Amino acid sequence: MSDKGDIPPFPPTCGAAEHAASDTREVASGGLEGEGKRWDVPLTVRAERLGRRFEDRVVLEDVSLEVPRGSCMAILGANGAGKTTLLRILATLLAPDCGQLRLLGTEIGPSAARRSNGASLLAELRRRIGYIGHEPMVYRELSARANLEFFGKLYGVPDPPARAQHLLEMMGLRGRADEPARFFSRGMVQRLAIARALVHDPDLLLADEPFSALDAAAAMATEVLMGHLLAAGKTIVMVSHDAAQSLRIAHNVVVLRRGRIVMSSPTSAVDERAVLAEVREA
């Protein structure tokens, strides 16, 4: 991706798909919502046969997945399995070497890259995506409040101060709202990073180890927050190392091993032991 925000050209798929995929899927309720009926919903994410190399090293190979709107997918795997690379591709921060990707009903591929409005299309798409990466992406010299108001203005939020106050209270940062983030503990910075990712009320939240550095109370509050997001129809894809937590939160779980999917299942159909066995084989 260029500094101007142009859409990187996607190479063709690593092999032709057998048929055109539908943009809706039948989904079993589960995760934070518990067991329930099945329903047909649109897909927020549809990835087909994604691949990515870094020089001679294959990082992702033939990765296909679907995430329906209002659901949570957990991606697990050993270090170096390709989890973060996959999440960065879904965030449009990294282009795959091959494959097809559709996010929030928008194709991100060769035809999109050739459109005259390609850059604006990507910018509009990113306004609907929240991303929590390994780096918190907050300004350490600014206060928590100033950070959130800044990002709120950047995204065109109607009332940045009100939105910032709401998120500060939601993430338990109200009492430290006006202190520079450089004085925060790792857990507090992580809570601020979560708030920053939600400041524009995204439809899709992509979270790389969102519970990292959180204490038990903050982790539980974040689980509750995720439940509210899902109930509101938001979609979550999270990378995690915690199988038990993933099975508790997510509707579907994917395990990556050396860049390939070795398990893809509704969480209601697997147990922690089976997931850990696949992760440990990596």
Protein backbone atom coordinates (compact mmCIF):
# COMPACT_ATOMS: atom_id res chain seq x y z
CA MET A 1 0.00 0.00 0.00
CA SER A 2 1.42 3.39 -0.94
CA ASP A 3 1.67 6.36 1.41
CA LYS A 4 -1.28 7.87 -0.46
CA GLY A 5 -3.56 5.07 0.69
CA ASP A 6 -4.04 3.47 -2.72
CA ILE A 7 -5.50 -0.02 -2.77
CA PRO A 8 -2.69 -2.51 -3.44
CA PRO A 9 -3.40 -4.71 -6.44
CA PHE A 10 -4.39 -8.23 -5.45
CA PRO A 11 -2.97 -11.01 -7.60
CA PRO A 12 -5.47 -13.62 -8.80
CA THR A 13 -6.55 -16.45 -6.57
CA CYS A 14 -4.22 -19.38 -5.97
CA GLY A 15 -6.46 -21.63 -8.03
CA ALA A 16 -9.96 -20.95 -9.29
CA ALA A 17 -12.88 -21.23 -6.91
CA GLU A 18 -15.31 -23.96 -7.85
CA HIS A 19 -18.36 -21.68 -7.62
CA ALA A 20 -19.37 -18.21 -6.59
CA ALA A 21 -19.93 -17.96 -2.85
CA SER A 22 -23.08 -16.52 -1.35
CA ASP A 23 -22.89 -13.42 0.83
CA THR A 24 -25.12 -14.95 3.51
CA ARG A 25 -24.59 -17.89 5.83
CA GLU A 26 -26.68 -19.87 8.30
CA VAL A 27 -25.16 -19.43 11.73
CA ALA A 28 -25.67 -21.16 15.06
CA SER A 29 -25.88 -18.81 18.02
CA GLY A 30 -23.36 -19.39 20.78
CA GLY A 31 -20.34 -17.64 22.26
CA LEU A 32 -21.29 -14.94 24.74
CA GLU A 33 -24.95 -15.23 23.72
CA GLY A 34 -25.27 -18.92 24.59
CA GLU A 35 -26.91 -21.66 22.56
CA GLY A 36 -29.93 -20.88 20.48
CA LYS A 37 -31.62 -21.07 17.12
CA ARG A 38 -29.98 -20.71 13.72
CA TRP A 39 -30.44 -17.73 11.45
CA ASP A 40 -29.32 -16.47 8.04
CA VAL A 41 -27.15 -13.34 8.17
CA PRO A 42 -24.91 -11.44 5.73
CA LEU A 43 -21.18 -12.09 5.79
CA THR A 44 -18.96 -9.33 7.16
CA VAL A 45 -15.77 -11.12 6.07
CA ARG A 46 -15.27 -13.57 3.23
CA ALA A 47 -11.71 -14.59 2.41
CA GLU A 48 -10.92 -17.14 -0.27
CA ARG A 49 -7.58 -18.90 -0.69
CA LEU A 50 -5.44 -16.11 0.71
CA GLY A 51 -1.68 -16.54 0.51
CA ARG A 52 1.27 -14.45 1.65
CA ARG A 53 5.05 -14.83 1.53
CA PHE A 54 7.81 -12.78 3.07
CA GLU A 55 10.77 -13.36 0.75
CA ASP A 56 11.12 -17.16 0.63
CA ARG A 57 9.03 -17.88 3.72
CA VAL A 58 5.39 -18.89 3.30
CA VAL A 59 3.40 -17.16 6.04
CA LEU A 60 -0.15 -17.88 4.84
CA GLU A 61 -1.28 -20.54 2.37
CA ASP A 62 -4.75 -21.29 1.00
CA VAL A 63 -6.60 -19.57 3.87
CA SER A 64 -10.38 -19.33 3.45
CA LEU A 65 -12.83 -18.18 6.09
CA GLU A 66 -16.22 -16.56 6.52
CA VAL A 67 -17.41 -14.40 9.41
CA PRO A 68 -21.15 -13.60 9.53
CA ARG A 69 -22.34 -10.23 10.77
CA GLY A 70 -22.89 -10.11 14.52
CA SER A 71 -20.58 -13.04 15.24
CA CYS A 72 -17.12 -13.46 16.75
CA MET A 73 -14.33 -15.57 15.28
CA ALA A 74 -11.25 -16.47 17.34
CA ILE A 75 -7.98 -17.26 15.56
CA LEU A 76 -5.50 -19.37 17.51
CA GLY A 77 -2.11 -20.86 16.75
CA ALA A 78 1.48 -21.06 17.93
CA ASN A 79 3.89 -18.15 17.54
CA GLY A 80 4.69 -17.66 13.86
CA ALA A 81 1.56 -19.47 12.67
CA GLY A 82 0.43 -16.46 10.61
CA LYS A 83 -2.27 -15.05 12.90
CA THR A 84 -1.11 -11.43 12.92
CA THR A 85 -0.41 -11.46 9.18
CA LEU A 86 -3.95 -12.68 8.52
CA LEU A 87 -5.43 -10.01 10.77
CA ARG A 88 -3.40 -7.28 9.04
CA ILE A 89 -4.71 -8.48 5.67
CA LEU A 90 -8.29 -8.31 6.97
CA ALA A 91 -7.54 -4.78 8.20
CA THR A 92 -6.36 -3.82 4.65
CA LEU A 93 -2.95 -2.95 6.11
CA LEU A 94 -1.23 -5.69 4.12
CA ALA A 95 -2.01 -7.14 0.70
CA PRO A 96 -1.97 -10.91 0.18
CA ASP A 97 0.07 -12.37 -2.66
CA CYS A 98 -3.00 -14.21 -3.90
CA GLY A 99 -6.62 -14.76 -3.02
CA GLN A 100 -9.87 -12.86 -2.85
CA LEU A 101 -11.24 -10.78 -0.01
CA ARG A 102 -14.63 -9.19 0.58
CA LEU A 103 -15.17 -6.98 3.64
CA LEU A 104 -18.49 -5.48 4.70
CA GLY A 105 -19.91 -6.15 1.25
CA THR A 106 -16.98 -4.49 -0.54
CA GLU A 107 -14.61 -6.41 -2.79
CA ILE A 108 -10.95 -5.73 -2.04
CA GLY A 109 -9.19 -7.06 -5.11
CA PRO A 110 -7.94 -6.31 -8.62
CA SER A 111 -11.17 -4.74 -9.89
CA ALA A 112 -11.40 -2.47 -6.84
CA ALA A 113 -7.77 -1.44 -7.26
CA ARG A 114 -8.42 -0.37 -10.86
CA ARG A 115 -11.38 1.88 -9.99
CA SER A 116 -10.81 5.62 -10.24
CA ASN A 117 -12.21 5.98 -6.72
CA GLY A 118 -10.10 3.15 -5.29
CA ALA A 119 -8.41 5.27 -2.62
CA SER A 120 -11.67 6.79 -1.39
CA LEU A 121 -13.29 3.34 -1.39
CA LEU A 122 -10.54 2.05 0.89
CA ALA A 123 -10.78 5.10 3.14
CA GLU A 124 -14.53 4.62 3.53
CA LEU A 125 -14.05 0.93 4.30
CA ARG A 126 -11.47 1.70 6.98
CA ARG A 127 -13.95 4.03 8.67
CA ARG A 128 -16.03 0.92 9.34
CA ILE A 129 -13.13 -1.11 10.78
CA GLY A 130 -11.57 -0.88 14.24
CA TYR A 131 -8.10 -2.38 14.68
CA ILE A 132 -6.23 -3.31 17.85
CA GLY A 133 -2.68 -4.37 17.04
CA HIS A 134 0.43 -5.26 19.01
CA GLU A 135 1.21 -1.55 19.21
CA PRO A 136 -1.48 0.52 20.98
CA MET A 137 -1.35 3.34 18.37
CA VAL A 138 -1.98 6.10 20.90
CA TYR A 139 0.00 9.28 21.53
CA ARG A 140 1.84 8.85 24.82
CA GLU A 141 2.29 12.61 25.41
CA LEU A 142 -1.45 13.24 25.10
CA SER A 143 -3.99 12.47 27.80
CA ALA A 144 -6.43 9.63 27.37
CA ARG A 145 -9.20 12.14 26.73
CA ALA A 146 -7.14 14.10 24.18
CA ASN A 147 -6.25 10.87 22.37
CA LEU A 148 -9.86 9.83 22.00
CA GLU A 149 -11.04 13.29 20.99
CA PHE A 150 -8.26 13.48 18.39
CA PHE A 151 -9.16 10.13 16.83
CA GLY A 152 -12.84 11.01 17.04
CA LYS A 153 -12.23 14.16 14.99
CA LEU A 154 -10.04 12.20 12.58
CA TYR A 155 -12.92 9.80 11.91
CA GLY A 156 -15.54 12.52 11.75
CA VAL A 157 -17.40 11.47 14.90
CA PRO A 158 -20.31 13.92 15.44
CA ASP A 159 -19.46 14.83 19.07
CA PRO A 160 -15.87 13.75 19.88
CA PRO A 161 -15.86 15.00 23.52
CA ALA A 162 -19.07 13.12 24.35
CA ARG A 163 -17.86 9.97 22.60
CA ALA A 164 -14.52 10.20 24.41
CA GLN A 165 -16.23 10.57 27.78
CA HIS A 166 -18.47 7.58 27.09
CA LEU A 167 -15.49 5.37 26.18
CA LEU A 168 -13.41 6.57 29.13
CA GLU A 169 -16.20 5.51 31.47
CA MET A 170 -16.74 2.24 29.61
CA MET A 171 -13.05 1.30 29.86
CA GLY A 172 -12.64 2.43 33.48
CA LEU A 173 -10.32 5.34 32.65
CA ARG A 174 -12.47 8.24 33.83
CA GLY A 175 -10.34 8.89 36.92
CA ARG A 176 -7.15 9.15 34.85
CA ALA A 177 -8.70 10.74 31.77
CA ASP A 178 -6.59 13.91 31.80
CA GLU A 179 -3.20 12.34 32.54
CA PRO A 180 -0.68 11.78 29.74
CA ALA A 181 -0.74 8.18 28.54
CA ARG A 182 3.02 7.91 29.18
CA PHE A 183 2.22 7.59 32.88
CA PHE A 184 -0.16 4.67 32.30
CA SER A 185 0.55 1.04 33.11
CA ARG A 186 0.54 -1.48 30.25
CA GLY A 187 -2.96 -2.56 31.17
CA MET A 188 -4.25 1.01 31.13
CA VAL A 189 -2.62 1.66 27.75
CA GLN A 190 -4.32 -1.47 26.44
CA ARG A 191 -7.69 -0.22 27.70
CA LEU A 192 -7.03 3.10 25.95
CA ALA A 193 -6.11 1.22 22.76
CA ILE A 194 -9.44 -0.64 22.88
CA ALA A 195 -11.29 2.65 23.36
CA ARG A 196 -9.35 4.19 20.44
CA ALA A 197 -10.36 1.28 18.19
CA LEU A 198 -14.03 1.83 19.09
CA VAL A 199 -14.15 5.63 18.93
CA HIS A 200 -15.82 5.66 15.49
CA ASP A 201 -18.29 2.87 16.33
CA PRO A 202 -16.91 0.42 13.73
CA ASP A 203 -18.96 -2.40 12.23
CA LEU A 204 -15.95 -4.76 12.25
CA LEU A 205 -13.49 -5.01 15.15
CA LEU A 206 -10.16 -6.75 14.45
CA ALA A 207 -8.28 -7.40 17.68
CA ASP A 208 -4.80 -8.93 18.07
CA GLU A 209 -4.60 -10.26 21.64
CA PRO A 210 -7.06 -7.67 23.01
CA PHE A 211 -6.80 -9.05 26.56
CA SER A 212 -3.02 -8.64 26.70
CA ALA A 213 -1.86 -6.99 29.96
CA LEU A 214 -5.41 -6.64 31.30
CA ASP A 215 -6.06 -7.61 34.90
CA ALA A 216 -8.94 -9.94 35.74
CA ALA A 217 -11.46 -7.14 36.29
CA ALA A 218 -10.55 -5.32 33.07
CA ALA A 219 -10.60 -8.58 31.11
CA MET A 220 -14.08 -9.40 32.39
CA ALA A 221 -15.28 -5.88 31.56
CA THR A 222 -13.87 -6.27 28.05
CA GLU A 223 -15.70 -9.57 27.62
CA VAL A 224 -18.92 -7.84 28.64
CA LEU A 225 -18.17 -5.04 26.18
CA MET A 226 -17.67 -7.57 23.39
CA GLY A 227 -21.02 -9.12 24.26
CA HIS A 228 -22.68 -5.71 23.89
CA LEU A 229 -20.96 -5.15 20.54
CA LEU A 230 -22.15 -8.51 19.22
CA ALA A 231 -25.68 -7.89 20.47
CA ALA A 232 -25.61 -4.60 18.53
CA GLY A 233 -24.77 -6.47 15.32
CA LYS A 234 -21.04 -5.71 15.28
CA THR A 235 -18.58 -8.37 14.09
CA ILE A 236 -15.36 -9.33 15.89
CA VAL A 237 -12.32 -11.24 14.67
CA MET A 238 -9.75 -11.71 17.41
CA VAL A 239 -6.36 -13.37 17.66
CA SER A 240 -5.86 -15.14 20.96
CA HIS A 241 -3.60 -17.60 22.75
CA ASP A 242 -6.28 -18.50 25.32
CA ALA A 243 -8.37 -21.43 24.10
CA ALA A 244 -10.77 -21.44 27.06
CA GLN A 245 -11.51 -17.74 26.72
CA SER A 246 -11.92 -18.05 22.95
CA LEU A 247 -14.44 -20.86 23.31
CA ARG A 248 -16.35 -18.77 25.85
CA ILE A 249 -16.50 -15.62 23.71
CA ALA A 250 -16.48 -16.70 20.07
CA HIS A 251 -19.02 -18.39 17.82
CA ASN A 252 -16.33 -19.94 15.62
CA VAL A 253 -12.71 -20.88 16.15
CA VAL A 254 -9.91 -21.24 13.59
CA VAL A 255 -6.49 -22.75 14.33
CA LEU A 256 -3.55 -21.86 12.09
CA ARG A 257 -0.49 -24.06 11.79
CA ARG A 258 2.45 -22.89 9.69
CA GLY A 259 0.17 -20.60 7.72
CA ARG A 260 -2.61 -23.10 6.98
CA ILE A 261 -5.97 -23.64 8.64
CA VAL A 262 -5.97 -26.99 10.44
CA MET A 263 -9.19 -26.48 12.39
CA SER A 264 -12.29 -24.44 11.62
CA SER A 265 -15.33 -25.15 13.73
CA PRO A 266 -18.25 -23.65 15.63
CA THR A 267 -17.14 -23.33 19.24
CA SER A 268 -20.20 -25.32 20.30
CA ALA A 269 -18.81 -28.36 18.45
CA VAL A 270 -15.32 -28.50 20.03
CA ASP A 271 -13.78 -28.45 23.49
CA GLU A 272 -10.68 -26.79 24.89
CA ARG A 273 -8.66 -30.02 24.78
CA ALA A 274 -9.25 -30.49 21.04
CA VAL A 275 -8.30 -26.89 20.27
CA LEU A 276 -5.15 -27.04 22.40
CA ALA A 277 -4.13 -30.30 20.73
CA GLU A 278 -4.22 -28.60 17.33
CA VAL A 279 -2.31 -25.57 18.61
CA ARG A 280 0.39 -27.72 20.24
CA GLU A 281 0.93 -29.70 17.04
CA ALA A 282 2.16 -26.50 15.36
